[in-house]
Amino acid sequence: IVPNVPEYLKAADVFVLPSQTEATSLSLLAAMSTALACIAPGVDDNLDLVQDDVTGLLVPSAEPTPHFQALMRVPTSEAALRRLAAAALAVR
């Protein structure tokens, strides 16, 4: 168990979820709630939480290449990151 998870998440620039088999990822929800740009596989409940290029980025599989490609798509401008973060925070 990691104490103070929100503090670690707030120190990060991007959250990457490599798991392919979680129904509802509490890790993904925590990252979204701290306004991180999130990359997640397009499976299960991730499809309900992440709208590609709106609330985060979706990848087609757990293979490393799609995750790397998604990392390269993460916006580098503050305005674009704020847009992703605001959209992620609005997910209910």
C-alpha atoms as a PDB file:
ATOM      1  CA  ILE A   1       0.000   0.000   0.000  1.00  0.00           C
ATOM      2  CA  VAL A   2       1.331   3.408  -0.990  1.00  0.00           C
ATOM      3  CA  PRO A   3       0.439   6.278   1.318  1.00  0.00           C
ATOM      4  CA  ASN A   4      -0.336   9.708  -0.118  1.00  0.00           C
ATOM      5  CA  VAL A   5      -1.067   8.518  -3.656  1.00  0.00           C
ATOM      6  CA  PRO A   6      -2.506  11.906  -4.711  1.00  0.00           C
ATOM      7  CA  GLU A   7       0.822  13.565  -3.867  1.00  0.00           C
ATOM      8  CA  TYR A   8       2.687  11.190  -6.187  1.00  0.00           C
ATOM      9  CA  LEU A   9       0.127  11.663  -8.932  1.00  0.00           C
ATOM     10  CA  LYS A  10       0.275  15.446  -8.659  1.00  0.00           C
ATOM     11  CA  ALA A  11       4.054  15.261  -9.116  1.00  0.00           C
ATOM     12  CA  ALA A  12       3.668  13.344 -12.406  1.00  0.00           C
ATOM     13  CA  ASP A  13       3.154  14.760 -15.877  1.00  0.00           C
ATOM     14  CA  VAL A  14       1.386  11.743 -17.419  1.00  0.00           C
ATOM     15  CA  PHE A  15      -0.334   8.599 -16.118  1.00  0.00           C
ATOM     16  CA  VAL A  16      -0.050   5.387 -18.151  1.00  0.00           C
ATOM     17  CA  LEU A  17      -2.288   2.420 -17.335  1.00  0.00           C
ATOM     18  CA  PRO A  18      -0.919  -0.734 -18.990  1.00  0.00           C
ATOM     19  CA  SER A  19      -3.492  -3.135 -17.495  1.00  0.00           C
ATOM     20  CA  GLN A  20      -5.799  -4.931 -19.916  1.00  0.00           C
ATOM     21  CA  THR A  21      -8.074  -6.652 -17.415  1.00  0.00           C
ATOM     22  CA  GLU A  22      -9.467  -4.185 -14.890  1.00  0.00           C
ATOM     23  CA  ALA A  23     -13.196  -3.628 -14.847  1.00  0.00           C
ATOM     24  CA  THR A  24     -13.055  -0.136 -13.325  1.00  0.00           C
ATOM     25  CA  SER A  25      -9.510   1.016 -12.663  1.00  0.00           C
ATOM     26  CA  LEU A  26      -9.263   2.876  -9.384  1.00  0.00           C
ATOM     27  CA  SER A  27      -5.758   3.940 -10.449  1.00  0.00           C
ATOM     28  CA  LEU A  28      -7.147   5.553 -13.584  1.00  0.00           C
ATOM     29  CA  LEU A  29      -9.908   7.283 -11.624  1.00  0.00           C
ATOM     30  CA  ALA A  30      -7.348   8.614  -9.126  1.00  0.00           C
ATOM     31  CA  ALA A  31      -5.121   9.924 -11.914  1.00  0.00           C
ATOM     32  CA  MET A  32      -8.043  11.599 -13.665  1.00  0.00           C
ATOM     33  CA  SER A  33      -9.151  13.193 -10.388  1.00  0.00           C
ATOM     34  CA  THR A  34      -5.733  14.806  -9.993  1.00  0.00           C
ATOM     35  CA  ALA A  35      -5.918  16.294 -13.504  1.00  0.00           C
ATOM     36  CA  LEU A  36      -3.250  14.146 -15.140  1.00  0.00           C
ATOM     37  CA  ALA A  37      -3.084  13.437 -18.841  1.00  0.00           C
ATOM     38  CA  CYS A  38      -3.983   9.728 -18.906  1.00  0.00           C
ATOM     39  CA  ILE A  39      -3.148   6.965 -21.357  1.00  0.00           C
ATOM     40  CA  ALA A  40      -5.198   3.786 -21.016  1.00  0.00           C
ATOM     41  CA  PRO A  41      -6.033   0.703 -23.080  1.00  0.00           C
ATOM     42  CA  GLY A  42      -9.386   0.858 -24.843  1.00  0.00           C
ATOM     43  CA  VAL A  43     -10.953  -2.010 -22.903  1.00  0.00           C
ATOM     44  CA  ASP A  44     -13.674  -2.579 -20.336  1.00  0.00           C
ATOM     45  CA  ASP A  45     -14.754   0.454 -18.306  1.00  0.00           C
ATOM     46  CA  ASN A  46     -11.847   2.529 -19.626  1.00  0.00           C
ATOM     47  CA  LEU A  47     -14.056   3.158 -22.644  1.00  0.00           C
ATOM     48  CA  ASP A  48     -16.635   4.749 -20.340  1.00  0.00           C
ATOM     49  CA  LEU A  49     -14.032   6.901 -18.576  1.00  0.00           C
ATOM     50  CA  VAL A  50     -11.682   7.976 -21.341  1.00  0.00           C
ATOM     51  CA  GLN A  51     -12.823   9.600 -24.541  1.00  0.00           C
ATOM     52  CA  ASP A  52      -9.820   9.538 -26.878  1.00  0.00           C
ATOM     53  CA  ASP A  53      -8.221  12.965 -27.331  1.00  0.00           C
ATOM     54  CA  VAL A  54     -10.858  14.527 -25.066  1.00  0.00           C
ATOM     55  CA  THR A  55     -10.428  13.170 -21.522  1.00  0.00           C
ATOM     56  CA  GLY A  56      -7.235  11.212 -22.223  1.00  0.00           C
ATOM     57  CA  LEU A  57      -5.681   8.938 -24.813  1.00  0.00           C
ATOM     58  CA  LEU A  58      -6.723   5.367 -25.583  1.00  0.00           C
ATOM     59  CA  VAL A  59      -4.402   2.677 -26.901  1.00  0.00           C
ATOM     60  CA  PRO A  60      -5.503  -0.513 -28.666  1.00  0.00           C
ATOM     61  CA  SER A  61      -3.452  -3.029 -26.672  1.00  0.00           C
ATOM     62  CA  ALA A  62      -1.075  -3.702 -23.816  1.00  0.00           C
ATOM     63  CA  GLU A  63       1.884  -3.924 -26.177  1.00  0.00           C
ATOM     64  CA  PRO A  64       4.581  -1.298 -25.555  1.00  0.00           C
ATOM     65  CA  THR A  65       4.514   0.299 -29.018  1.00  0.00           C
ATOM     66  CA  PRO A  66       0.982   1.769 -28.791  1.00  0.00           C
ATOM     67  CA  HIS A  67       1.773   3.137 -25.318  1.00  0.00           C
ATOM     68  CA  PHE A  68       4.942   4.774 -26.625  1.00  0.00           C
ATOM     69  CA  GLN A  69       3.063   6.221 -29.582  1.00  0.00           C
ATOM     70  CA  ALA A  70       0.407   7.601 -27.225  1.00  0.00           C
ATOM     71  CA  LEU A  71       3.092   9.170 -25.041  1.00  0.00           C
ATOM     72  CA  MET A  72       4.364  10.941 -28.134  1.00  0.00           C
ATOM     73  CA  ARG A  73       0.807  12.268 -28.730  1.00  0.00           C
ATOM     74  CA  VAL A  74       0.475  13.799 -25.254  1.00  0.00           C
ATOM     75  CA  PRO A  75       0.206  17.535 -25.736  1.00  0.00           C
ATOM     76  CA  THR A  76       3.186  19.534 -24.565  1.00  0.00           C
ATOM     77  CA  SER A  77       1.480  22.905 -24.382  1.00  0.00           C
ATOM     78  CA  GLU A  78       0.065  23.960 -21.034  1.00  0.00           C
ATOM     79  CA  ALA A  79      -3.238  24.958 -22.654  1.00  0.00           C
ATOM     80  CA  ALA A  80      -3.722  21.543 -24.236  1.00  0.00           C
ATOM     81  CA  LEU A  81      -2.831  19.748 -20.998  1.00  0.00           C
ATOM     82  CA  ARG A  82      -5.294  21.954 -19.084  1.00  0.00           C
ATOM     83  CA  ARG A  83      -8.007  21.097 -21.644  1.00  0.00           C
ATOM     84  CA  LEU A  84      -7.413  17.348 -21.145  1.00  0.00           C
ATOM     85  CA  ALA A  85      -7.311  17.788 -17.366  1.00  0.00           C
ATOM     86  CA  ALA A  86     -10.529  19.819 -17.252  1.00  0.00           C
ATOM     87  CA  ALA A  87     -12.330  17.252 -19.383  1.00  0.00           C
ATOM     88  CA  ALA A  88     -11.032  14.401 -17.231  1.00  0.00           C
ATOM     89  CA  LEU A  89     -12.168  16.151 -14.043  1.00  0.00           C
ATOM     90  CA  ALA A  90     -15.671  16.545 -15.512  1.00  0.00           C
ATOM     91  CA  VAL A  91     -16.110  12.771 -15.995  1.00  0.00           C
ATOM     92  CA  ARG A  92     -18.685  11.418 -13.571  1.00  0.00           C
END
